[in-house]
């Protein structure tokens, strides 16, 4: 093989590798193309709230009308946590423990809402500042926000809107400045942001959303 042919083959290989790398960083139909999954360390404590055997004692309500209710078809047991206020900008409740690296999963059921029909996970909450990842049954997007004297969108993906009256799953993992989020088992968001490093975990709705939550699992 001549030196010219070797150079041509090397150049073609480099172009193919570059194309493959670029494709790996793009989203297709709202799904991220196989980034490495974030993980909290093995053996970290797990805290679970099924709202049957463990309720919201010690939690802090910032805004909203949050209460444990019986609900037919609950994912586990008979009880769920429901937010029913309809006149606040946002509704937030947070559990007592604080975490840095954390892996959080929750089931949520958007029941009703004309302006909004959302549910979300709050994490790294400190003194009213926090991240939230949320889905909305009235919109075909899945988003990550930071809140600190106002809202700032950090990442968004196009998704099929989660259906009203059905149970869905949100998961978020935050390790260092890296944040990944899943909706119904599919990874859609992979972002970096370093403004909040630790804080409490909680739940979130917006505006007139009436939403039920169940099976909150926190690892961290």
N, C-alpha and C. Protein backbone atom coordinates (compact mmCIF):
# COMPACT_ATOMS: atom_id res chain seq x y z
N UNK A 1 0.85 -1.20 0.00
CA UNK A 1 0.00 0.00 0.00
C UNK A 1 0.89 1.24 0.00
N UNK A 2 0.54 2.18 -0.89
CA UNK A 2 1.35 3.39 -0.98
C UNK A 2 1.06 4.32 0.17
N UNK A 3 1.97 5.26 0.38
CA UNK A 3 1.77 6.24 1.45
C UNK A 3 0.52 7.06 1.19
N UNK A 4 0.25 7.38 -0.11
CA UNK A 4 -0.94 8.15 -0.45
C UNK A 4 -2.20 7.39 -0.07
N UNK A 5 -2.25 6.06 -0.36
CA UNK A 5 -3.42 5.27 -0.03
C UNK A 5 -3.60 5.17 1.48
N UNK A 6 -2.50 5.03 2.23
CA UNK A 6 -2.60 4.97 3.69
C UNK A 6 -3.18 6.24 4.25
N UNK A 7 -2.73 7.39 3.69
CA UNK A 7 -3.26 8.66 4.17
C UNK A 7 -4.76 8.78 3.88
N UNK A 8 -5.18 8.32 2.67
CA UNK A 8 -6.60 8.38 2.32
C UNK A 8 -7.44 7.50 3.25
N UNK A 9 -6.95 6.29 3.52
CA UNK A 9 -7.69 5.39 4.41
C UNK A 9 -7.78 5.96 5.82
N UNK A 10 -6.68 6.55 6.29
CA UNK A 10 -6.70 7.16 7.63
C UNK A 10 -7.71 8.29 7.68
N UNK A 11 -7.75 9.11 6.60
CA UNK A 11 -8.66 10.25 6.58
C UNK A 11 -10.10 9.78 6.59
N UNK A 12 -10.43 8.72 5.82
CA UNK A 12 -11.79 8.19 5.80
C UNK A 12 -12.18 7.65 7.17
N UNK A 13 -11.24 6.97 7.82
CA UNK A 13 -11.52 6.44 9.15
C UNK A 13 -11.77 7.54 10.15
N UNK A 14 -10.98 8.62 10.07
CA UNK A 14 -11.17 9.73 10.98
C UNK A 14 -12.52 10.40 10.77
N UNK A 15 -12.94 10.55 9.51
CA UNK A 15 -14.26 11.12 9.23
C UNK A 15 -15.37 10.24 9.79
N UNK A 16 -15.26 8.94 9.62
CA UNK A 16 -16.29 8.03 10.13
C UNK A 16 -16.36 8.07 11.65
N UNK A 17 -15.20 8.11 12.30
CA UNK A 17 -15.19 8.18 13.76
C UNK A 17 -15.81 9.48 14.26
N UNK A 18 -15.49 10.58 13.56
CA UNK A 18 -16.06 11.85 13.95
C UNK A 18 -17.56 11.89 13.79
N UNK A 19 -18.05 11.29 12.72
CA UNK A 19 -19.50 11.24 12.51
C UNK A 19 -20.19 10.41 13.58
N UNK A 20 -19.57 9.29 13.92
CA UNK A 20 -20.16 8.44 14.96
C UNK A 20 -20.18 9.16 16.30
N UNK A 21 -19.10 9.88 16.61
CA UNK A 21 -19.05 10.63 17.88
C UNK A 21 -20.13 11.70 17.91
N UNK A 22 -20.28 12.41 16.80
CA UNK A 22 -21.28 13.48 16.75
C UNK A 22 -22.68 12.91 16.91
N UNK A 23 -22.96 11.78 16.25
CA UNK A 23 -24.28 11.18 16.36
C UNK A 23 -24.56 10.73 17.77
N UNK A 24 -23.55 10.28 18.47
CA UNK A 24 -23.74 9.81 19.85
C UNK A 24 -24.12 10.91 20.78
N UNK A 25 -23.84 12.16 20.46
CA UNK A 25 -24.18 13.26 21.35
C UNK A 25 -25.51 13.92 21.05
N UNK A 26 -26.20 13.43 19.99
CA UNK A 26 -27.45 14.08 19.62
C UNK A 26 -28.64 13.29 20.13
N UNK A 27 -29.77 13.98 20.27
CA UNK A 27 -30.99 13.32 20.69
C UNK A 27 -31.80 12.93 19.46
N UNK A 28 -32.40 11.74 19.49
CA UNK A 28 -33.28 11.29 18.44
C UNK A 28 -34.63 11.02 19.06
N UNK A 29 -35.68 11.71 18.56
CA UNK A 29 -37.02 11.56 19.11
C UNK A 29 -37.03 11.79 20.62
N UNK A 30 -36.22 12.74 21.11
CA UNK A 30 -36.22 13.07 22.52
C UNK A 30 -35.40 12.13 23.39
N UNK A 31 -34.85 11.06 22.82
CA UNK A 31 -34.05 10.11 23.59
C UNK A 31 -32.58 10.41 23.40
N UNK A 32 -31.82 10.41 24.49
CA UNK A 32 -30.39 10.61 24.37
C UNK A 32 -29.72 9.35 23.86
N UNK A 33 -28.70 9.53 23.05
CA UNK A 33 -28.03 8.40 22.42
C UNK A 33 -26.96 7.83 23.34
N UNK A 34 -27.40 7.02 24.28
CA UNK A 34 -26.56 6.18 25.12
C UNK A 34 -25.39 6.88 25.81
N UNK A 35 -25.62 7.98 26.54
CA UNK A 35 -24.54 8.47 27.40
C UNK A 35 -24.37 7.53 28.58
N UNK A 36 -23.22 7.60 29.22
CA UNK A 36 -22.99 6.76 30.40
C UNK A 36 -23.99 7.14 31.49
N UNK A 37 -24.61 6.13 32.09
CA UNK A 37 -25.61 6.40 33.12
C UNK A 37 -24.95 6.82 34.42
N UNK A 38 -25.43 7.92 34.98
CA UNK A 38 -24.96 8.38 36.28
C UNK A 38 -25.38 7.39 37.37
N UNK A 39 -24.52 7.19 38.35
CA UNK A 39 -24.85 6.30 39.45
C UNK A 39 -24.32 6.88 40.76
N UNK A 40 -25.12 6.78 41.80
CA UNK A 40 -24.62 7.09 43.13
C UNK A 40 -23.83 5.88 43.62
N UNK A 41 -22.96 6.05 44.61
CA UNK A 41 -22.13 4.93 45.06
C UNK A 41 -22.97 3.74 45.55
N UNK A 42 -22.44 2.54 45.35
CA UNK A 42 -23.10 1.35 45.87
C UNK A 42 -23.18 1.40 47.39
N UNK A 43 -24.26 0.90 47.92
CA UNK A 43 -24.39 0.80 49.37
C UNK A 43 -24.89 2.04 50.08
N UNK A 44 -25.24 3.10 49.32
CA UNK A 44 -25.77 4.29 49.99
C UNK A 44 -27.16 3.97 50.56
N UNK A 45 -27.60 4.66 51.61
CA UNK A 45 -28.91 4.37 52.19
C UNK A 45 -30.05 4.64 51.21
N UNK A 46 -31.11 3.86 51.36
CA UNK A 46 -32.34 4.04 50.58
C UNK A 46 -33.48 4.41 51.52
N UNK A 47 -34.21 5.47 51.18
CA UNK A 47 -35.38 5.89 51.94
C UNK A 47 -36.59 5.81 51.02
N UNK A 48 -37.63 5.09 51.47
CA UNK A 48 -38.82 4.89 50.63
C UNK A 48 -40.06 5.41 51.34
N UNK A 49 -40.90 6.10 50.58
CA UNK A 49 -42.20 6.59 51.07
C UNK A 49 -43.29 5.99 50.18
N UNK A 50 -44.06 5.07 50.75
CA UNK A 50 -45.20 4.52 50.00
C UNK A 50 -46.50 5.18 50.41
N UNK A 51 -46.44 6.06 51.43
CA UNK A 51 -47.58 6.83 51.94
C UNK A 51 -48.66 5.95 52.57
N UNK A 52 -48.36 4.64 52.72
CA UNK A 52 -49.19 3.74 53.52
C UNK A 52 -48.50 3.48 54.85
N UNK A 53 -47.32 2.87 54.79
CA UNK A 53 -46.58 2.56 56.01
C UNK A 53 -45.70 3.72 56.45
N UNK A 54 -45.43 4.64 55.55
CA UNK A 54 -44.62 5.82 55.89
C UNK A 54 -45.23 7.05 55.25
N UNK A 55 -45.57 8.03 56.08
CA UNK A 55 -46.25 9.22 55.59
C UNK A 55 -45.32 10.40 55.44
N UNK A 56 -45.84 11.61 55.70
CA UNK A 56 -45.08 12.84 55.46
C UNK A 56 -44.79 13.58 56.77
N UNK A 57 -44.71 12.83 57.86
CA UNK A 57 -44.31 13.44 59.13
C UNK A 57 -42.89 14.00 59.00
N UNK A 58 -42.70 15.24 59.44
CA UNK A 58 -41.39 15.88 59.33
C UNK A 58 -41.14 16.59 58.02
N UNK A 59 -42.04 16.46 57.05
CA UNK A 59 -41.91 17.16 55.78
C UNK A 59 -42.28 18.64 55.96
N UNK A 60 -41.82 19.47 55.03
CA UNK A 60 -42.13 20.90 55.06
C UNK A 60 -42.92 21.28 53.82
N UNK A 61 -44.10 21.88 54.02
CA UNK A 61 -44.91 22.37 52.90
C UNK A 61 -44.60 23.84 52.68
N UNK A 62 -44.08 24.16 51.49
CA UNK A 62 -43.85 25.56 51.15
C UNK A 62 -45.13 26.20 50.64
N UNK A 63 -45.75 25.55 49.66
CA UNK A 63 -47.01 26.01 49.09
C UNK A 63 -47.80 24.78 48.67
N UNK A 64 -49.11 24.93 48.66
CA UNK A 64 -49.94 23.85 48.18
C UNK A 64 -50.78 23.22 49.28
N UNK A 65 -51.67 22.36 48.84
CA UNK A 65 -52.57 21.63 49.73
C UNK A 65 -52.25 20.14 49.55
N UNK A 66 -51.33 19.66 50.36
CA UNK A 66 -50.82 18.30 50.24
C UNK A 66 -51.44 17.42 51.32
N UNK A 67 -51.94 16.25 50.94
CA UNK A 67 -52.54 15.35 51.92
C UNK A 67 -52.49 13.92 51.40
N UNK A 68 -52.40 13.00 52.33
CA UNK A 68 -52.44 11.58 51.99
C UNK A 68 -53.89 11.15 51.88
N UNK A 69 -54.22 10.48 50.78
CA UNK A 69 -55.59 10.07 50.51
C UNK A 69 -55.62 8.61 50.05
N UNK A 70 -56.76 7.97 50.27
CA UNK A 70 -57.00 6.66 49.66
C UNK A 70 -57.25 6.85 48.17
N UNK A 71 -56.70 5.94 47.36
CA UNK A 71 -56.93 6.02 45.91
C UNK A 71 -56.94 4.62 45.32
N UNK A 72 -58.03 4.29 44.66
CA UNK A 72 -58.11 3.00 43.97
C UNK A 72 -57.06 2.94 42.87
N UNK A 73 -56.43 1.80 42.72
CA UNK A 73 -55.43 1.64 41.67
C UNK A 73 -54.08 2.22 41.99
N UNK A 74 -53.84 2.56 43.26
CA UNK A 74 -52.52 3.08 43.65
C UNK A 74 -51.45 2.05 43.31
N UNK A 75 -50.27 2.50 42.90
CA UNK A 75 -49.21 1.56 42.51
C UNK A 75 -48.83 0.59 43.62
N UNK A 76 -48.87 1.05 44.87
CA UNK A 76 -48.59 0.16 46.00
C UNK A 76 -49.51 0.55 47.15
N UNK A 77 -50.09 -0.43 47.81
CA UNK A 77 -50.99 -0.13 48.91
C UNK A 77 -52.25 0.56 48.44
N UNK A 78 -52.83 1.36 49.34
CA UNK A 78 -54.09 2.04 49.05
C UNK A 78 -53.98 3.56 49.12
N UNK A 79 -52.88 4.07 49.64
CA UNK A 79 -52.78 5.51 49.88
C UNK A 79 -51.73 6.16 48.98
N UNK A 80 -51.98 7.43 48.65
CA UNK A 80 -51.08 8.23 47.83
C UNK A 80 -51.02 9.63 48.42
N UNK A 81 -50.05 10.41 47.98
CA UNK A 81 -49.95 11.82 48.36
C UNK A 81 -50.52 12.66 47.22
N UNK A 82 -51.50 13.53 47.55
CA UNK A 82 -52.17 14.32 46.52
C UNK A 82 -52.01 15.81 46.80
N UNK A 83 -51.76 16.56 45.75
CA UNK A 83 -51.70 18.02 45.83
C UNK A 83 -52.94 18.57 45.14
N UNK A 84 -53.78 19.38 45.90
CA UNK A 84 -55.06 19.84 45.36
C UNK A 84 -55.21 21.36 45.27
N UNK A 85 -54.22 22.14 45.66
CA UNK A 85 -54.33 23.60 45.51
C UNK A 85 -54.31 23.95 44.02
N UNK A 86 -55.05 24.99 43.64
CA UNK A 86 -55.15 25.34 42.21
C UNK A 86 -54.86 26.82 41.93
N UNK A 87 -54.45 27.58 42.95
CA UNK A 87 -54.28 29.02 42.73
C UNK A 87 -52.86 29.52 42.96
N UNK A 88 -51.92 28.62 43.24
CA UNK A 88 -50.53 29.03 43.44
C UNK A 88 -49.75 28.92 42.13
N UNK A 89 -48.67 29.70 42.06
CA UNK A 89 -47.81 29.57 40.88
C UNK A 89 -47.16 28.19 40.86
N UNK A 90 -46.60 27.78 42.01
CA UNK A 90 -46.02 26.46 42.16
C UNK A 90 -46.43 25.89 43.52
N UNK A 91 -46.43 24.58 43.63
CA UNK A 91 -46.74 23.89 44.88
C UNK A 91 -45.58 22.96 45.20
N UNK A 92 -44.98 23.13 46.38
CA UNK A 92 -43.76 22.41 46.72
C UNK A 92 -43.85 21.86 48.14
N UNK A 93 -43.45 20.61 48.30
CA UNK A 93 -43.31 19.99 49.61
C UNK A 93 -41.98 19.23 49.61
N UNK A 94 -41.23 19.29 50.73
CA UNK A 94 -39.91 18.65 50.77
C UNK A 94 -39.77 17.77 52.00
N UNK A 95 -39.09 16.65 51.81
CA UNK A 95 -38.78 15.71 52.89
C UNK A 95 -37.63 16.28 53.73
N UNK A 96 -37.42 15.75 54.94
CA UNK A 96 -36.49 16.41 55.87
C UNK A 96 -35.00 16.23 55.58
N UNK A 97 -34.59 15.12 54.97
CA UNK A 97 -33.16 14.86 54.83
C UNK A 97 -32.53 15.63 53.68
N UNK A 98 -31.21 15.89 53.80
CA UNK A 98 -30.45 16.60 52.78
C UNK A 98 -29.47 15.64 52.10
N UNK A 99 -29.27 15.84 50.80
CA UNK A 99 -28.41 14.96 50.01
C UNK A 99 -27.55 15.79 49.06
N UNK A 100 -26.38 15.25 48.73
CA UNK A 100 -25.55 15.82 47.66
C UNK A 100 -25.79 14.97 46.41
N UNK A 101 -25.03 13.86 46.28
CA UNK A 101 -25.34 12.91 45.23
C UNK A 101 -26.60 12.16 45.58
N UNK A 102 -27.54 12.05 44.62
CA UNK A 102 -28.83 11.44 44.95
C UNK A 102 -29.47 10.82 43.70
N UNK A 103 -30.22 9.75 43.92
CA UNK A 103 -30.98 9.07 42.87
C UNK A 103 -32.42 8.98 43.38
N UNK A 104 -33.34 9.66 42.68
CA UNK A 104 -34.72 9.77 43.16
C UNK A 104 -35.69 9.27 42.08
N UNK A 105 -36.65 8.45 42.52
CA UNK A 105 -37.71 7.97 41.62
C UNK A 105 -39.05 8.21 42.28
N UNK A 106 -40.05 8.57 41.48
CA UNK A 106 -41.41 8.72 42.00
C UNK A 106 -42.41 8.35 40.92
N UNK A 107 -43.54 7.79 41.33
CA UNK A 107 -44.69 7.59 40.44
C UNK A 107 -45.61 8.80 40.59
N UNK A 108 -46.16 9.29 39.49
CA UNK A 108 -47.10 10.40 39.57
C UNK A 108 -48.25 10.20 38.59
N UNK A 109 -49.40 10.73 38.99
CA UNK A 109 -50.62 10.62 38.19
C UNK A 109 -51.24 12.00 38.03
N UNK A 110 -51.13 12.62 36.86
CA UNK A 110 -51.81 13.91 36.65
C UNK A 110 -53.32 13.68 36.57
N UNK A 111 -54.04 14.26 37.52
CA UNK A 111 -55.48 14.02 37.61
C UNK A 111 -56.27 15.04 36.80
N UNK A 112 -55.93 16.32 36.97
CA UNK A 112 -56.64 17.36 36.23
C UNK A 112 -55.83 18.64 36.21
N UNK A 113 -56.28 19.58 35.37
CA UNK A 113 -55.66 20.90 35.25
C UNK A 113 -55.94 21.47 33.88
N UNK A 114 -56.33 22.73 33.82
CA UNK A 114 -56.54 23.39 32.54
C UNK A 114 -55.32 24.18 32.10
N UNK A 115 -54.72 24.88 33.05
CA UNK A 115 -53.50 25.64 32.75
C UNK A 115 -52.28 24.73 32.74
N UNK A 116 -52.28 23.75 33.65
CA UNK A 116 -51.14 22.87 33.81
C UNK A 116 -51.62 21.56 34.42
N UNK A 117 -50.94 20.48 34.11
CA UNK A 117 -51.28 19.17 34.69
C UNK A 117 -49.97 18.41 34.88
N UNK A 118 -49.18 18.89 35.83
CA UNK A 118 -47.80 18.45 35.93
C UNK A 118 -47.48 17.76 37.24
N UNK A 119 -46.32 17.10 37.24
CA UNK A 119 -45.74 16.55 38.45
C UNK A 119 -44.23 16.55 38.30
N UNK A 120 -43.53 16.74 39.41
CA UNK A 120 -42.08 16.81 39.31
C UNK A 120 -41.38 16.45 40.60
N UNK A 121 -40.06 16.22 40.47
CA UNK A 121 -39.19 15.95 41.60
C UNK A 121 -38.34 17.18 41.87
N UNK A 122 -38.38 17.66 43.10
CA UNK A 122 -37.49 18.73 43.58
C UNK A 122 -36.26 18.07 44.19
N UNK A 123 -35.07 18.64 43.93
CA UNK A 123 -33.87 18.12 44.57
C UNK A 123 -32.87 19.25 44.79
N UNK A 124 -31.98 19.02 45.76
CA UNK A 124 -31.01 20.03 46.21
C UNK A 124 -31.70 21.32 46.63
N UNK A 125 -32.80 21.16 47.36
CA UNK A 125 -33.57 22.31 47.86
C UNK A 125 -32.89 22.88 49.10
N UNK A 126 -32.58 24.18 49.06
CA UNK A 126 -32.01 24.90 50.20
C UNK A 126 -32.52 26.33 50.20
N UNK A 127 -33.19 26.71 51.27
CA UNK A 127 -33.65 28.11 51.45
C UNK A 127 -34.44 28.62 50.26
N UNK A 128 -35.31 27.79 49.72
CA UNK A 128 -36.18 28.21 48.63
C UNK A 128 -35.59 28.08 47.25
N UNK A 129 -34.31 27.74 47.14
CA UNK A 129 -33.67 27.53 45.84
C UNK A 129 -33.56 26.03 45.60
N UNK A 130 -33.78 25.61 44.32
CA UNK A 130 -33.80 24.18 44.06
C UNK A 130 -33.77 23.91 42.55
N UNK A 131 -33.50 22.64 42.24
CA UNK A 131 -33.73 22.11 40.89
C UNK A 131 -35.07 21.37 40.89
N UNK A 132 -35.71 21.32 39.73
CA UNK A 132 -36.88 20.47 39.56
C UNK A 132 -36.87 19.88 38.15
N UNK A 133 -37.18 18.61 38.05
CA UNK A 133 -37.43 17.97 36.76
C UNK A 133 -38.90 17.61 36.72
N UNK A 134 -39.59 17.98 35.63
CA UNK A 134 -41.03 17.84 35.62
C UNK A 134 -41.54 17.40 34.25
N UNK A 135 -42.72 16.74 34.29
CA UNK A 135 -43.46 16.38 33.08
C UNK A 135 -44.86 16.97 33.21
N UNK A 136 -45.50 17.21 32.06
CA UNK A 136 -46.78 17.91 32.03
C UNK A 136 -47.70 17.21 31.02
N UNK A 137 -48.88 16.78 31.49
CA UNK A 137 -49.81 16.07 30.61
C UNK A 137 -50.38 16.96 29.51
N UNK A 138 -50.20 18.28 29.63
CA UNK A 138 -50.71 19.20 28.61
C UNK A 138 -49.63 19.65 27.63
N UNK A 139 -48.41 19.18 27.80
CA UNK A 139 -47.30 19.59 26.93
C UNK A 139 -46.45 18.39 26.54
N UNK A 140 -45.90 18.44 25.34
CA UNK A 140 -45.08 17.33 24.87
C UNK A 140 -43.59 17.61 25.11
N UNK A 141 -43.26 17.96 26.37
CA UNK A 141 -41.86 18.18 26.70
C UNK A 141 -41.59 17.69 28.12
N UNK A 142 -40.32 17.48 28.40
CA UNK A 142 -39.83 17.01 29.70
C UNK A 142 -38.67 17.93 30.03
N UNK A 143 -38.72 18.62 31.21
CA UNK A 143 -37.79 19.73 31.42
C UNK A 143 -37.14 19.71 32.79
N UNK A 144 -35.94 20.28 32.81
CA UNK A 144 -35.18 20.51 34.03
C UNK A 144 -35.04 22.01 34.23
N UNK A 145 -35.38 22.49 35.44
CA UNK A 145 -35.28 23.91 35.77
C UNK A 145 -34.46 24.10 37.03
N UNK A 146 -33.89 25.29 37.15
CA UNK A 146 -33.32 25.78 38.41
C UNK A 146 -34.17 26.96 38.87
N UNK A 147 -34.46 27.01 40.17
CA UNK A 147 -35.24 28.10 40.75
C UNK A 147 -34.42 28.79 41.82
N UNK A 148 -34.20 30.08 41.60
CA UNK A 148 -33.50 30.92 42.58
C UNK A 148 -33.88 32.36 42.28
N UNK A 149 -34.91 32.83 42.98
CA UNK A 149 -35.48 34.16 42.69
C UNK A 149 -35.89 34.26 41.21
N UNK A 150 -36.51 33.21 40.73
CA UNK A 150 -36.95 33.14 39.34
C UNK A 150 -36.57 31.80 38.73
N UNK A 151 -37.17 31.50 37.60
CA UNK A 151 -36.99 30.20 36.97
C UNK A 151 -36.02 30.28 35.80
N UNK A 152 -35.17 29.27 35.68
CA UNK A 152 -34.26 29.19 34.54
C UNK A 152 -34.28 27.77 33.99
N UNK A 153 -34.65 27.64 32.72
CA UNK A 153 -34.66 26.32 32.10
C UNK A 153 -33.25 25.88 31.78
N UNK A 154 -32.90 24.67 32.18
CA UNK A 154 -31.56 24.14 31.95
C UNK A 154 -31.52 23.11 30.82
N UNK A 155 -32.58 22.34 30.67
CA UNK A 155 -32.61 21.32 29.62
C UNK A 155 -34.05 20.97 29.31
N UNK A 156 -34.30 20.55 28.05
CA UNK A 156 -35.64 20.19 27.63
C UNK A 156 -35.56 19.12 26.55
N UNK A 157 -36.53 18.22 26.54
CA UNK A 157 -36.60 17.19 25.51
C UNK A 157 -38.05 17.04 25.07
N UNK A 158 -38.25 16.76 23.79
CA UNK A 158 -39.58 16.48 23.29
C UNK A 158 -39.98 15.06 23.64
N UNK A 159 -41.18 14.91 24.19
CA UNK A 159 -41.69 13.59 24.58
C UNK A 159 -43.17 13.51 24.24
N UNK A 160 -43.71 12.30 24.27
CA UNK A 160 -45.16 12.14 24.21
C UNK A 160 -45.71 12.56 25.56
N UNK A 161 -46.68 13.46 25.57
CA UNK A 161 -47.22 13.96 26.83
C UNK A 161 -47.77 12.81 27.67
N UNK A 162 -47.41 12.75 28.95
CA UNK A 162 -47.95 11.69 29.81
C UNK A 162 -49.46 11.84 29.96
N UNK A 163 -50.19 10.75 29.80
CA UNK A 163 -51.65 10.81 29.75
C UNK A 163 -52.25 11.16 31.10
N UNK A 164 -53.30 11.98 31.08
CA UNK A 164 -54.08 12.26 32.28
C UNK A 164 -54.70 10.97 32.81
N UNK A 165 -54.77 10.88 34.13
CA UNK A 165 -55.45 9.76 34.74
C UNK A 165 -54.68 8.46 34.74
N UNK A 166 -53.41 8.50 34.36
CA UNK A 166 -52.58 7.30 34.36
C UNK A 166 -51.32 7.55 35.18
N UNK A 167 -50.74 6.47 35.68
CA UNK A 167 -49.51 6.57 36.47
C UNK A 167 -48.29 6.56 35.56
N UNK A 168 -47.34 7.43 35.88
CA UNK A 168 -46.09 7.55 35.14
C UNK A 168 -44.94 7.59 36.14
N UNK A 169 -43.73 7.46 35.63
CA UNK A 169 -42.55 7.42 36.50
C UNK A 169 -41.53 8.47 36.07
N UNK A 170 -41.07 9.27 37.04
CA UNK A 170 -39.95 10.19 36.83
C UNK A 170 -38.79 9.73 37.69
N UNK A 171 -37.59 9.79 37.13
CA UNK A 171 -36.38 9.50 37.89
C UNK A 171 -35.34 10.57 37.59
N UNK A 172 -34.61 11.00 38.60
CA UNK A 172 -33.50 11.93 38.41
C UNK A 172 -32.31 11.45 39.22
N UNK A 173 -31.13 11.59 38.63
CA UNK A 173 -29.87 11.28 39.32
C UNK A 173 -28.98 12.51 39.20
N UNK A 174 -28.46 12.96 40.35
CA UNK A 174 -27.55 14.11 40.39
C UNK A 174 -26.28 13.70 41.11
N UNK A 175 -25.16 13.81 40.42
CA UNK A 175 -23.85 13.48 40.99
C UNK A 175 -22.90 14.60 40.59
N UNK A 176 -22.37 15.32 41.59
CA UNK A 176 -21.53 16.48 41.26
C UNK A 176 -22.35 17.50 40.49
N UNK A 177 -21.83 17.97 39.36
CA UNK A 177 -22.56 18.96 38.57
C UNK A 177 -23.34 18.33 37.42
N UNK A 178 -23.42 17.01 37.39
CA UNK A 178 -24.09 16.29 36.31
C UNK A 178 -25.48 15.85 36.77
N UNK A 179 -26.47 16.03 35.88
CA UNK A 179 -27.86 15.68 36.19
C UNK A 179 -28.43 14.92 35.00
N UNK A 180 -29.02 13.76 35.28
CA UNK A 180 -29.74 13.00 34.26
C UNK A 180 -31.16 12.75 34.73
N UNK A 181 -32.10 12.68 33.78
CA UNK A 181 -33.50 12.48 34.15
C UNK A 181 -34.19 11.58 33.14
N UNK A 182 -35.08 10.73 33.68
CA UNK A 182 -35.82 9.74 32.90
C UNK A 182 -37.32 9.98 33.05
N UNK A 183 -38.07 9.70 32.00
CA UNK A 183 -39.53 9.67 32.05
C UNK A 183 -39.98 8.31 31.55
N UNK A 184 -40.71 7.61 32.40
CA UNK A 184 -41.22 6.27 32.06
C UNK A 184 -40.12 5.34 31.56
N UNK A 185 -38.98 5.40 32.24
CA UNK A 185 -37.88 4.48 31.97
C UNK A 185 -36.94 4.89 30.86
N UNK A 186 -37.20 5.98 30.16
CA UNK A 186 -36.36 6.42 29.05
C UNK A 186 -35.56 7.66 29.46
N UNK A 187 -34.25 7.62 29.23
CA UNK A 187 -33.39 8.76 29.55
C UNK A 187 -33.59 9.85 28.50
N UNK A 188 -33.99 11.04 28.97
CA UNK A 188 -34.25 12.15 28.06
C UNK A 188 -33.35 13.37 28.30
N UNK A 189 -32.86 13.55 29.53
CA UNK A 189 -32.12 14.76 29.86
C UNK A 189 -30.76 14.40 30.44
N UNK A 190 -29.73 15.11 30.00
CA UNK A 190 -28.37 14.94 30.50
C UNK A 190 -27.73 16.32 30.49
N UNK A 191 -27.58 16.92 31.68
CA UNK A 191 -27.16 18.32 31.75
C UNK A 191 -26.10 18.50 32.83
N UNK A 192 -25.45 19.65 32.79
CA UNK A 192 -24.48 20.04 33.82
C UNK A 192 -24.87 21.40 34.38
N UNK A 193 -24.84 21.50 35.71
CA UNK A 193 -25.08 22.78 36.37
C UNK A 193 -24.54 22.68 37.78
N UNK A 194 -23.81 23.69 38.22
CA UNK A 194 -23.11 23.60 39.51
C UNK A 194 -23.62 24.58 40.55
N UNK A 195 -24.75 25.22 40.31
CA UNK A 195 -25.17 26.28 41.25
C UNK A 195 -25.64 25.73 42.60
N UNK A 196 -26.27 24.54 42.62
CA UNK A 196 -26.71 23.94 43.88
C UNK A 196 -25.98 22.62 44.06
N UNK A 197 -25.37 22.42 45.22
CA UNK A 197 -24.54 21.24 45.42
C UNK A 197 -25.16 20.20 46.35
N UNK A 198 -26.12 20.60 47.17
CA UNK A 198 -26.79 19.66 48.07
C UNK A 198 -28.09 20.28 48.55
N UNK A 199 -28.93 19.44 49.15
CA UNK A 199 -30.19 19.95 49.69
C UNK A 199 -31.23 18.86 49.78
N UNK A 200 -32.44 19.26 50.11
CA UNK A 200 -33.52 18.32 50.37
C UNK A 200 -34.21 17.88 49.07
N UNK A 201 -34.95 16.80 49.17
CA UNK A 201 -35.70 16.24 48.05
C UNK A 201 -37.19 16.44 48.32
N UNK A 202 -37.95 16.70 47.27
CA UNK A 202 -39.39 16.88 47.45
C UNK A 202 -40.16 16.68 46.17
N UNK A 203 -41.41 17.15 46.19
CA UNK A 203 -42.33 17.00 45.07
C UNK A 203 -42.90 18.34 44.68
N UNK A 204 -43.43 18.43 43.45
CA UNK A 204 -43.73 19.73 42.85
C UNK A 204 -44.91 19.60 41.89
N UNK A 205 -45.77 20.61 41.90
CA UNK A 205 -46.75 20.79 40.82
C UNK A 205 -46.81 22.28 40.49
N UNK A 206 -47.52 22.59 39.43
CA UNK A 206 -47.63 23.98 38.99
C UNK A 206 -49.09 24.37 38.81
N UNK A 207 -49.40 25.61 39.19
CA UNK A 207 -50.69 26.25 38.89
C UNK A 207 -51.86 25.39 39.36
N UNK A 208 -52.77 25.03 38.43
CA UNK A 208 -53.99 24.32 38.83
C UNK A 208 -53.87 22.80 38.70
N UNK A 209 -52.65 22.30 38.66
CA UNK A 209 -52.46 20.85 38.58
C UNK A 209 -52.96 20.17 39.85
N UNK A 210 -53.82 19.19 39.70
CA UNK A 210 -54.15 18.27 40.78
C UNK A 210 -53.47 16.95 40.43
N UNK A 211 -52.54 16.55 41.29
CA UNK A 211 -51.65 15.45 40.94
C UNK A 211 -51.46 14.54 42.15
N UNK A 212 -51.42 13.23 41.88
CA UNK A 212 -51.15 12.24 42.92
C UNK A 212 -49.73 11.70 42.77
N UNK A 213 -49.11 11.37 43.89
CA UNK A 213 -47.75 10.82 43.91
C UNK A 213 -47.72 9.55 44.76
N UNK A 214 -46.85 8.62 44.38
CA UNK A 214 -46.69 7.40 45.15
C UNK A 214 -45.29 6.86 44.93
N UNK A 215 -44.87 5.99 45.86
CA UNK A 215 -43.60 5.26 45.73
C UNK A 215 -42.41 6.18 45.48
N UNK A 216 -42.22 7.14 46.35
CA UNK A 216 -41.03 8.00 46.30
C UNK A 216 -39.86 7.23 46.91
N UNK A 217 -38.81 7.02 46.13
CA UNK A 217 -37.63 6.29 46.58
C UNK A 217 -36.41 7.18 46.42
N UNK A 218 -35.68 7.36 47.51
CA UNK A 218 -34.50 8.23 47.51
C UNK A 218 -33.28 7.41 47.88
N UNK A 219 -32.27 7.43 47.04
CA UNK A 219 -31.00 6.77 47.34
C UNK A 219 -29.91 7.84 47.39
N UNK A 220 -29.24 7.94 48.53
CA UNK A 220 -28.19 8.93 48.63
C UNK A 220 -27.68 9.06 50.05
